[in-house]
mmCIF file of all heavy atoms, coordinates in Angstrom:
data_MODEL
# 
_entry.id   MODEL 
# 
loop_
_atom_site.group_PDB 
_atom_site.id 
_atom_site.type_symbol 
_atom_site.label_atom_id 
_atom_site.label_alt_id 
_atom_site.label_comp_id 
_atom_site.label_asym_id 
_atom_site.label_entity_id 
_atom_site.label_seq_id 
_atom_site.pdbx_PDB_ins_code 
_atom_site.Cartn_x 
_atom_site.Cartn_y 
_atom_site.Cartn_z 
_atom_site.occupancy 
_atom_site.B_iso_or_equiv 
_atom_site.pdbx_formal_charge 
_atom_site.auth_seq_id 
_atom_site.auth_comp_id 
_atom_site.auth_asym_id 
_atom_site.auth_atom_id 
_atom_site.pdbx_PDB_model_num 
ATOM 1   N N   . TYR A 1 1  ? 0.801   -1.215  0.000  1.00 0.00 ? 1  TYR A N   1 
ATOM 2   C CA  . TYR A 1 1  ? 0.000   0.000   0.000  1.00 0.00 ? 1  TYR A CA  1 
ATOM 3   C C   . TYR A 1 1  ? 0.837   1.270   0.000  1.00 0.00 ? 1  TYR A C   1 
ATOM 4   O O   . TYR A 1 1  ? 0.309   2.357   -0.245 1.00 0.00 ? 1  TYR A O   1 
ATOM 5   C CB  . TYR A 1 1  ? -1.004  0.017   1.163  1.00 0.00 ? 1  TYR A CB  1 
ATOM 6   C CG  . TYR A 1 1  ? -0.372  0.120   2.533  1.00 0.00 ? 1  TYR A CG  1 
ATOM 7   C CD1 . TYR A 1 1  ? -0.191  1.358   3.130  1.00 0.00 ? 1  TYR A CD1 1 
ATOM 8   C CD2 . TYR A 1 1  ? 0.016   -1.013  3.231  1.00 0.00 ? 1  TYR A CD2 1 
ATOM 9   C CE1 . TYR A 1 1  ? 0.381   1.462   4.388  1.00 0.00 ? 1  TYR A CE1 1 
ATOM 10  C CE2 . TYR A 1 1  ? 0.572   -0.921  4.477  1.00 0.00 ? 1  TYR A CE2 1 
ATOM 11  C CZ  . TYR A 1 1  ? 0.754   0.317   5.057  1.00 0.00 ? 1  TYR A CZ  1 
ATOM 12  O OH  . TYR A 1 1  ? 1.320   0.413   6.301  1.00 0.00 ? 1  TYR A OH  1 
ATOM 13  N N   . ALA A 1 2  ? 2.151   1.172   0.252  1.00 0.00 ? 2  ALA A N   1 
ATOM 14  C CA  . ALA A 1 2  ? 3.007   2.358   0.242  1.00 0.00 ? 2  ALA A CA  1 
ATOM 15  C C   . ALA A 1 2  ? 4.467   1.932   0.343  1.00 0.00 ? 2  ALA A C   1 
ATOM 16  O O   . ALA A 1 2  ? 4.782   0.776   0.606  1.00 0.00 ? 2  ALA A O   1 
ATOM 17  C CB  . ALA A 1 2  ? 2.662   3.290   1.393  1.00 0.00 ? 2  ALA A CB  1 
ATOM 18  N N   . GLU A 1 3  ? 5.335   2.901   0.139  1.00 0.00 ? 3  GLU A N   1 
ATOM 19  C CA  . GLU A 1 3  ? 6.764   2.740   0.392  1.00 0.00 ? 3  GLU A CA  1 
ATOM 20  C C   . GLU A 1 3  ? 7.200   3.912   1.251  1.00 0.00 ? 3  GLU A C   1 
ATOM 21  O O   . GLU A 1 3  ? 6.761   5.037   1.030  1.00 0.00 ? 3  GLU A O   1 
ATOM 22  C CB  . GLU A 1 3  ? 7.552   2.712   -0.905 1.00 0.00 ? 3  GLU A CB  1 
ATOM 23  C CG  . GLU A 1 3  ? 7.334   1.452   -1.709 1.00 0.00 ? 3  GLU A CG  1 
ATOM 24  C CD  . GLU A 1 3  ? 8.271   1.347   -2.903 1.00 0.00 ? 3  GLU A CD  1 
ATOM 25  O OE1 . GLU A 1 3  ? 9.407   1.862   -2.811 1.00 0.00 ? 3  GLU A OE1 1 
ATOM 26  O OE2 . GLU A 1 3  ? 7.863   0.755   -3.906 1.00 0.00 ? 3  GLU A OE2 1 
ATOM 27  N N   . ALA A 1 4  ? 8.038   3.633   2.235  1.00 0.00 ? 4  ALA A N   1 
ATOM 28  C CA  . ALA A 1 4  ? 8.518   4.686   3.137  1.00 0.00 ? 4  ALA A CA  1 
ATOM 29  C C   . ALA A 1 4  ? 9.971   4.411   3.477  1.00 0.00 ? 4  ALA A C   1 
ATOM 30  O O   . ALA A 1 4  ? 10.298  3.332   3.972  1.00 0.00 ? 4  ALA A O   1 
ATOM 31  C CB  . ALA A 1 4  ? 7.674   4.734   4.407  1.00 0.00 ? 4  ALA A CB  1 
ATOM 32  N N   . GLY A 1 5  ? 10.828  5.373   3.203  1.00 0.00 ? 5  GLY A N   1 
ATOM 33  C CA  . GLY A 1 5  ? 12.243  5.218   3.520  1.00 0.00 ? 5  GLY A CA  1 
ATOM 34  C C   . GLY A 1 5  ? 12.873  4.001   2.869  1.00 0.00 ? 5  GLY A C   1 
ATOM 35  O O   . GLY A 1 5  ? 13.746  3.364   3.446  1.00 0.00 ? 5  GLY A O   1 
ATOM 36  N N   . GLY A 1 6  ? 12.393  3.649   1.691  1.00 0.00 ? 6  GLY A N   1 
ATOM 37  C CA  . GLY A 1 6  ? 12.934  2.496   0.991  1.00 0.00 ? 6  GLY A CA  1 
ATOM 38  C C   . GLY A 1 6  ? 12.317  1.174   1.408  1.00 0.00 ? 6  GLY A C   1 
ATOM 39  O O   . GLY A 1 6  ? 12.653  0.131   0.853  1.00 0.00 ? 6  GLY A O   1 
ATOM 40  N N   . ASP A 1 7  ? 11.416  1.185   2.387  1.00 0.00 ? 7  ASP A N   1 
ATOM 41  C CA  . ASP A 1 7  ? 10.735  -0.034  2.827  1.00 0.00 ? 7  ASP A CA  1 
ATOM 42  C C   . ASP A 1 7  ? 9.366   -0.134  2.166  1.00 0.00 ? 7  ASP A C   1 
ATOM 43  O O   . ASP A 1 7  ? 8.644   0.850   2.054  1.00 0.00 ? 7  ASP A O   1 
ATOM 44  C CB  . ASP A 1 7  ? 10.540  -0.038  4.346  1.00 0.00 ? 7  ASP A CB  1 
ATOM 45  C CG  . ASP A 1 7  ? 11.853  -0.132  5.095  1.00 0.00 ? 7  ASP A CG  1 
ATOM 46  O OD1 . ASP A 1 7  ? 12.775  -0.798  4.585  1.00 0.00 ? 7  ASP A OD1 1 
ATOM 47  O OD2 . ASP A 1 7  ? 11.956  0.450   6.184  1.00 0.00 ? 7  ASP A OD2 1 
ATOM 48  N N   . VAL A 1 8  ? 9.013   -1.331  1.752  1.00 0.00 ? 8  VAL A N   1 
ATOM 49  C CA  . VAL A 1 8  ? 7.688   -1.582  1.198  1.00 0.00 ? 8  VAL A CA  1 
ATOM 50  C C   . VAL A 1 8  ? 6.759   -1.883  2.372  1.00 0.00 ? 8  VAL A C   1 
ATOM 51  O O   . VAL A 1 8  ? 7.063   -2.726  3.217  1.00 0.00 ? 8  VAL A O   1 
ATOM 52  C CB  . VAL A 1 8  ? 7.726   -2.777  0.223  1.00 0.00 ? 8  VAL A CB  1 
ATOM 53  C CG1 . VAL A 1 8  ? 6.334   -3.142  -0.234 1.00 0.00 ? 8  VAL A CG1 1 
ATOM 54  C CG2 . VAL A 1 8  ? 8.607   -2.460  -0.968 1.00 0.00 ? 8  VAL A CG2 1 
ATOM 55  N N   . LEU A 1 9  ? 5.638   -1.173  2.435  1.00 0.00 ? 9  LEU A N   1 
ATOM 56  C CA  . LEU A 1 9  ? 4.652   -1.383  3.498  1.00 0.00 ? 9  LEU A CA  1 
ATOM 57  C C   . LEU A 1 9  ? 3.514   -2.229  2.950  1.00 0.00 ? 9  LEU A C   1 
ATOM 58  O O   . LEU A 1 9  ? 2.958   -1.939  1.896  1.00 0.00 ? 9  LEU A O   1 
ATOM 59  C CB  . LEU A 1 9  ? 4.129   -0.040  4.009  1.00 0.00 ? 9  LEU A CB  1 
ATOM 60  C CG  . LEU A 1 9  ? 5.204   0.933   4.492  1.00 0.00 ? 9  LEU A CG  1 
ATOM 61  C CD1 . LEU A 1 9  ? 4.560   2.245   4.910  1.00 0.00 ? 9  LEU A CD1 1 
ATOM 62  C CD2 . LEU A 1 9  ? 6.014   0.344   5.624  1.00 0.00 ? 9  LEU A CD2 1 
ATOM 63  N N   . LYS A 1 10 ? 3.189   -3.307  3.667  1.00 0.00 ? 10 LYS A N   1 
ATOM 64  C CA  . LYS A 1 10 ? 2.182   -4.258  3.210  1.00 0.00 ? 10 LYS A CA  1 
ATOM 65  C C   . LYS A 1 10 ? 1.088   -4.412  4.261  1.00 0.00 ? 10 LYS A C   1 
ATOM 66  O O   . LYS A 1 10 ? 1.303   -4.150  5.438  1.00 0.00 ? 10 LYS A O   1 
ATOM 67  C CB  . LYS A 1 10 ? 2.808   -5.623  2.959  1.00 0.00 ? 10 LYS A CB  1 
ATOM 68  C CG  . LYS A 1 10 ? 3.886   -5.622  1.909  1.00 0.00 ? 10 LYS A CG  1 
ATOM 69  C CD  . LYS A 1 10 ? 4.490   -6.996  1.781  1.00 0.00 ? 10 LYS A CD  1 
ATOM 70  C CE  . LYS A 1 10 ? 5.625   -7.014  0.768  1.00 0.00 ? 10 LYS A CE  1 
ATOM 71  N NZ  . LYS A 1 10 ? 6.203   -8.354  0.666  1.00 0.00 ? 10 LYS A NZ  1 
ATOM 72  N N   . LEU A 1 11 ? -0.075  -4.872  3.815  1.00 0.00 ? 11 LEU A N   1 
ATOM 73  C CA  . LEU A 1 11 ? -1.157  -5.182  4.739  1.00 0.00 ? 11 LEU A CA  1 
ATOM 74  C C   . LEU A 1 11 ? -1.815  -6.481  4.311  1.00 0.00 ? 11 LEU A C   1 
ATOM 75  O O   . LEU A 1 11 ? -1.642  -6.944  3.186  1.00 0.00 ? 11 LEU A O   1 
ATOM 76  C CB  . LEU A 1 11 ? -2.191  -4.048  4.776  1.00 0.00 ? 11 LEU A CB  1 
ATOM 77  C CG  . LEU A 1 11 ? -2.943  -3.705  3.487  1.00 0.00 ? 11 LEU A CG  1 
ATOM 78  C CD1 . LEU A 1 11 ? -4.152  -4.614  3.281  1.00 0.00 ? 11 LEU A CD1 1 
ATOM 79  C CD2 . LEU A 1 11 ? -3.397  -2.268  3.537  1.00 0.00 ? 11 LEU A CD2 1 
ATOM 80  N N   . ASP A 1 12 ? -2.530  -7.091  5.238  1.00 0.00 ? 12 ASP A N   1 
ATOM 81  C CA  . ASP A 1 12 ? -3.340  -8.269  4.960  1.00 0.00 ? 12 ASP A CA  1 
ATOM 82  C C   . ASP A 1 12 ? -4.798  -7.838  5.085  1.00 0.00 ? 12 ASP A C   1 
ATOM 83  O O   . ASP A 1 12 ? -5.153  -7.098  5.998  1.00 0.00 ? 12 ASP A O   1 
ATOM 84  C CB  . ASP A 1 12 ? -3.070  -9.399  5.956  1.00 0.00 ? 12 ASP A CB  1 
ATOM 85  C CG  . ASP A 1 12 ? -1.649  -9.935  5.879  1.00 0.00 ? 12 ASP A CG  1 
ATOM 86  O OD1 . ASP A 1 12 ? -0.994  -9.737  4.846  1.00 0.00 ? 12 ASP A OD1 1 
ATOM 87  O OD2 . ASP A 1 12 ? -1.197  -10.539 6.861  1.00 0.00 ? 12 ASP A OD2 1 
ATOM 88  N N   . ALA A 1 13 ? -5.659  -8.289  4.176  1.00 0.00 ? 13 ALA A N   1 
ATOM 89  C CA  . ALA A 1 13 ? -7.084  -7.952  4.210  1.00 0.00 ? 13 ALA A CA  1 
ATOM 90  C C   . ALA A 1 13 ? -7.894  -9.228  4.424  1.00 0.00 ? 13 ALA A C   1 
ATOM 91  O O   . ALA A 1 13 ? -7.620  -10.252 3.803  1.00 0.00 ? 13 ALA A O   1 
ATOM 92  C CB  . ALA A 1 13 ? -7.497  -7.276  2.918  1.00 0.00 ? 13 ALA A CB  1 
ATOM 93  N N   . TYR A 1 14 ? -8.864  -9.157  5.311  1.00 0.00 ? 14 TYR A N   1 
ATOM 94  C CA  . TYR A 1 14 ? -9.758  -10.274 5.624  1.00 0.00 ? 14 TYR A CA  1 
ATOM 95  C C   . TYR A 1 14 ? -11.190 -9.759  5.510  1.00 0.00 ? 14 TYR A C   1 
ATOM 96  O O   . TYR A 1 14 ? -11.497 -8.681  6.004  1.00 0.00 ? 14 TYR A O   1 
ATOM 97  C CB  . TYR A 1 14 ? -9.541  -10.755 7.056  1.00 0.00 ? 14 TYR A CB  1 
ATOM 98  C CG  . TYR A 1 14 ? -8.137  -11.187 7.363  1.00 0.00 ? 14 TYR A CG  1 
ATOM 99  C CD1 . TYR A 1 14 ? -7.151  -10.263 7.676  1.00 0.00 ? 14 TYR A CD1 1 
ATOM 100 C CD2 . TYR A 1 14 ? -7.805  -12.533 7.365  1.00 0.00 ? 14 TYR A CD2 1 
ATOM 101 C CE1 . TYR A 1 14 ? -5.850  -10.659 7.968  1.00 0.00 ? 14 TYR A CE1 1 
ATOM 102 C CE2 . TYR A 1 14 ? -6.516  -12.941 7.654  1.00 0.00 ? 14 TYR A CE2 1 
ATOM 103 C CZ  . TYR A 1 14 ? -5.544  -12.005 7.954  1.00 0.00 ? 14 TYR A CZ  1 
ATOM 104 O OH  . TYR A 1 14 ? -4.270  -12.399 8.237  1.00 0.00 ? 14 TYR A OH  1 
ATOM 105 N N   . TRP A 1 15 ? -12.072 -10.503 4.855  1.00 0.00 ? 15 TRP A N   1 
ATOM 106 C CA  . TRP A 1 15 ? -13.464 -10.080 4.780  1.00 0.00 ? 15 TRP A CA  1 
ATOM 107 C C   . TRP A 1 15 ? -14.360 -11.310 4.720  1.00 0.00 ? 15 TRP A C   1 
ATOM 108 O O   . TRP A 1 15 ? -13.968 -12.365 4.243  1.00 0.00 ? 15 TRP A O   1 
ATOM 109 C CB  . TRP A 1 15 ? -13.688 -9.144  3.593  1.00 0.00 ? 15 TRP A CB  1 
ATOM 110 C CG  . TRP A 1 15 ? -13.456 -9.735  2.242  1.00 0.00 ? 15 TRP A CG  1 
ATOM 111 C CD1 . TRP A 1 15 ? -14.417 -10.232 1.406  1.00 0.00 ? 15 TRP A CD1 1 
ATOM 112 C CD2 . TRP A 1 15 ? -12.206 -9.903  1.565  1.00 0.00 ? 15 TRP A CD2 1 
ATOM 113 N NE1 . TRP A 1 15 ? -13.843 -10.693 0.253  1.00 0.00 ? 15 TRP A NE1 1 
ATOM 114 C CE2 . TRP A 1 15 ? -12.483 -10.497 0.324  1.00 0.00 ? 15 TRP A CE2 1 
ATOM 115 C CE3 . TRP A 1 15 ? -10.881 -9.613  1.882  1.00 0.00 ? 15 TRP A CE3 1 
ATOM 116 C CZ2 . TRP A 1 15 ? -11.483 -10.806 -0.588 1.00 0.00 ? 15 TRP A CZ2 1 
ATOM 117 C CZ3 . TRP A 1 15 ? -9.895  -9.917  0.966  1.00 0.00 ? 15 TRP A CZ3 1 
ATOM 118 C CH2 . TRP A 1 15 ? -10.195 -10.499 -0.249 1.00 0.00 ? 15 TRP A CH2 1 
ATOM 119 N N   . PRO A 1 16 ? -15.589 -11.178 5.236  1.00 0.00 ? 16 PRO A N   1 
ATOM 120 C CA  . PRO A 1 16 ? -16.507 -12.318 5.292  1.00 0.00 ? 16 PRO A CA  1 
ATOM 121 C C   . PRO A 1 16 ? -17.076 -12.659 3.923  1.00 0.00 ? 16 PRO A C   1 
ATOM 122 O O   . PRO A 1 16 ? -17.121 -11.820 3.020  1.00 0.00 ? 16 PRO A O   1 
ATOM 123 C CB  . PRO A 1 16 ? -17.611 -11.843 6.239  1.00 0.00 ? 16 PRO A CB  1 
ATOM 124 C CG  . PRO A 1 16 ? -17.534 -10.369 6.204  1.00 0.00 ? 16 PRO A CG  1 
ATOM 125 C CD  . PRO A 1 16 ? -16.112 -9.993  5.885  1.00 0.00 ? 16 PRO A CD  1 
ATOM 126 N N   . ALA A 1 17 ? -17.521 -13.888 3.773  1.00 0.00 ? 17 ALA A N   1 
ATOM 127 C CA  . ALA A 1 17 ? -18.113 -14.341 2.525  1.00 0.00 ? 17 ALA A CA  1 
ATOM 128 C C   . ALA A 1 17 ? -19.588 -13.964 2.441  1.00 0.00 ? 17 ALA A C   1 
ATOM 129 O O   . ALA A 1 17 ? -20.164 -13.989 1.365  1.00 0.00 ? 17 ALA A O   1 
ATOM 130 C CB  . ALA A 1 17 ? -17.959 -15.854 2.398  1.00 0.00 ? 17 ALA A CB  1 
ATOM 131 N N   . THR A 1 18 ? -20.177 -13.622 3.560  1.00 0.00 ? 18 THR A N   1 
ATOM 132 C CA  . THR A 1 18 ? -21.602 -13.298 3.580  1.00 0.00 ? 18 THR A CA  1 
ATOM 133 C C   . THR A 1 18 ? -21.818 -11.803 3.438  1.00 0.00 ? 18 THR A C   1 
ATOM 134 O O   . THR A 1 18 ? -20.925 -10.998 3.701  1.00 0.00 ? 18 THR A O   1 
ATOM 135 C CB  . THR A 1 18 ? -22.231 -13.767 4.903  1.00 0.00 ? 18 THR A CB  1 
ATOM 136 O OG1 . THR A 1 18 ? -21.564 -13.116 5.980  1.00 0.00 ? 18 THR A OG1 1 
ATOM 137 C CG2 . THR A 1 18 ? -22.112 -15.273 5.056  1.00 0.00 ? 18 THR A CG2 1 
ATOM 138 N N   . HIS A 1 19 ? -23.018 -11.437 3.017  1.00 0.00 ? 19 HIS A N   1 
ATOM 139 C CA  . HIS A 1 19 ? -23.369 -10.028 2.898  1.00 0.00 ? 19 HIS A CA  1 
ATOM 140 C C   . HIS A 1 19 ? -23.551 -9.432  4.285  1.00 0.00 ? 19 HIS A C   1 
ATOM 141 O O   . HIS A 1 19 ? -23.978 -10.112 5.210  1.00 0.00 ? 19 HIS A O   1 
ATOM 142 C CB  . HIS A 1 19 ? -24.648 -9.866  2.083  1.00 0.00 ? 19 HIS A CB  1 
ATOM 143 C CG  . HIS A 1 19 ? -24.461 -10.258 0.653  1.00 0.00 ? 19 HIS A CG  1 
ATOM 144 N ND1 . HIS A 1 19 ? -23.769 -9.476  -0.236 1.00 0.00 ? 19 HIS A ND1 1 
ATOM 145 C CD2 . HIS A 1 19 ? -24.853 -11.349 -0.034 1.00 0.00 ? 19 HIS A CD2 1 
ATOM 146 C CE1 . HIS A 1 19 ? -23.749 -10.071 -1.407 1.00 0.00 ? 19 HIS A CE1 1 
ATOM 147 N NE2 . HIS A 1 19 ? -24.392 -11.221 -1.319 1.00 0.00 ? 19 HIS A NE2 1 
ATOM 148 N N   . GLY A 1 20 ? -23.220 -8.158  4.438  1.00 0.00 ? 20 GLY A N   1 
ATOM 149 C CA  . GLY A 1 20 ? -23.266 -7.482  5.730  1.00 0.00 ? 20 GLY A CA  1 
ATOM 150 C C   . GLY A 1 20 ? -24.612 -6.869  6.015  1.00 0.00 ? 20 GLY A C   1 
ATOM 151 O O   . GLY A 1 20 ? -25.588 -7.271  5.423  1.00 0.00 ? 20 GLY A O   1 
ATOM 152 N N   . PRO A 1 21 ? -24.646 -5.956  6.904  1.00 0.00 ? 21 PRO A N   1 
ATOM 153 C CA  . PRO A 1 21 ? -23.456 -5.259  7.413  1.00 0.00 ? 21 PRO A CA  1 
ATOM 154 C C   . PRO A 1 21 ? -22.687 -6.103  8.424  1.00 0.00 ? 21 PRO A C   1 
ATOM 155 O O   . PRO A 1 21 ? -23.248 -6.965  9.096  1.00 0.00 ? 21 PRO A O   1 
ATOM 156 C CB  . PRO A 1 21 ? -24.036 -4.016  8.092  1.00 0.00 ? 21 PRO A CB  1 
ATOM 157 C CG  . PRO A 1 21 ? -25.416 -4.423  8.508  1.00 0.00 ? 21 PRO A CG  1 
ATOM 158 C CD  . PRO A 1 21 ? -25.888 -5.408  7.459  1.00 0.00 ? 21 PRO A CD  1 
ATOM 159 N N   . HIS A 1 22 ? -21.388 -5.857  8.482  1.00 0.00 ? 22 HIS A N   1 
ATOM 160 C CA  . HIS A 1 22 ? -20.497 -6.542  9.410  1.00 0.00 ? 22 HIS A CA  1 
ATOM 161 C C   . HIS A 1 22 ? -19.687 -5.508  10.168 1.00 0.00 ? 22 HIS A C   1 
ATOM 162 O O   . HIS A 1 22 ? -19.404 -4.424  9.637  1.00 0.00 ? 22 HIS A O   1 
ATOM 163 C CB  . HIS A 1 22 ? -19.510 -7.450  8.667  1.00 0.00 ? 22 HIS A CB  1 
ATOM 164 C CG  . HIS A 1 22 ? -20.176 -8.563  7.914  1.00 0.00 ? 22 HIS A CG  1 
ATOM 165 N ND1 . HIS A 1 22 ? -20.728 -9.638  8.546  1.00 0.00 ? 22 HIS A ND1 1 
ATOM 166 C CD2 . HIS A 1 22 ? -20.383 -8.760  6.601  1.00 0.00 ? 22 HIS A CD2 1 
ATOM 167 C CE1 . HIS A 1 22 ? -21.244 -10.457 7.648  1.00 0.00 ? 22 HIS A CE1 1 
ATOM 168 N NE2 . HIS A 1 22 ? -21.039 -9.937  6.455  1.00 0.00 ? 22 HIS A NE2 1 
ATOM 169 N N   . PRO A 1 23 ? -19.284 -5.824  11.382 1.00 0.00 ? 23 PRO A N   1 
ATOM 170 C CA  . PRO A 1 23 ? -18.379 -4.904  12.100 1.00 0.00 ? 23 PRO A CA  1 
ATOM 171 C C   . PRO A 1 23 ? -17.020 -4.892  11.418 1.00 0.00 ? 23 PRO A C   1 
ATOM 172 O O   . PRO A 1 23 ? -16.687 -5.796  10.657 1.00 0.00 ? 23 PRO A O   1 
ATOM 173 C CB  . PRO A 1 23 ? -18.292 -5.505  13.496 1.00 0.00 ? 23 PRO A CB  1 
ATOM 174 C CG  . PRO A 1 23 ? -18.659 -6.926  13.325 1.00 0.00 ? 23 PRO A CG  1 
ATOM 175 C CD  . PRO A 1 23 ? -19.592 -6.992  12.155 1.00 0.00 ? 23 PRO A CD  1 
ATOM 176 N N   . MET A 1 24 ? -16.248 -3.869  11.688 1.00 0.00 ? 24 MET A N   1 
ATOM 177 C CA  . MET A 1 24 ? -14.928 -3.737  11.076 1.00 0.00 ? 24 MET A CA  1 
ATOM 178 C C   . MET A 1 24 ? -13.901 -3.417  12.137 1.00 0.00 ? 24 MET A C   1 
ATOM 179 O O   . MET A 1 24 ? -14.203 -2.705  13.097 1.00 0.00 ? 24 MET A O   1 
ATOM 180 C CB  . MET A 1 24 ? -14.940 -2.623  10.046 1.00 0.00 ? 24 MET A CB  1 
ATOM 181 C CG  . MET A 1 24 ? -13.638 -2.432  9.340  1.00 0.00 ? 24 MET A CG  1 
ATOM 182 S SD  . MET A 1 24 ? -13.817 -1.130  8.131  1.00 0.00 ? 24 MET A SD  1 
ATOM 183 C CE  . MET A 1 24 ? -12.282 -0.286  8.357  1.00 0.00 ? 24 MET A CE  1 
# 
């Protein structure tokens, strides 16, 4: 999602298979 000071910044995304609404 970004680079900072030469480091690559990453994230993991998790989401439900069912329709919401769901808490976040």
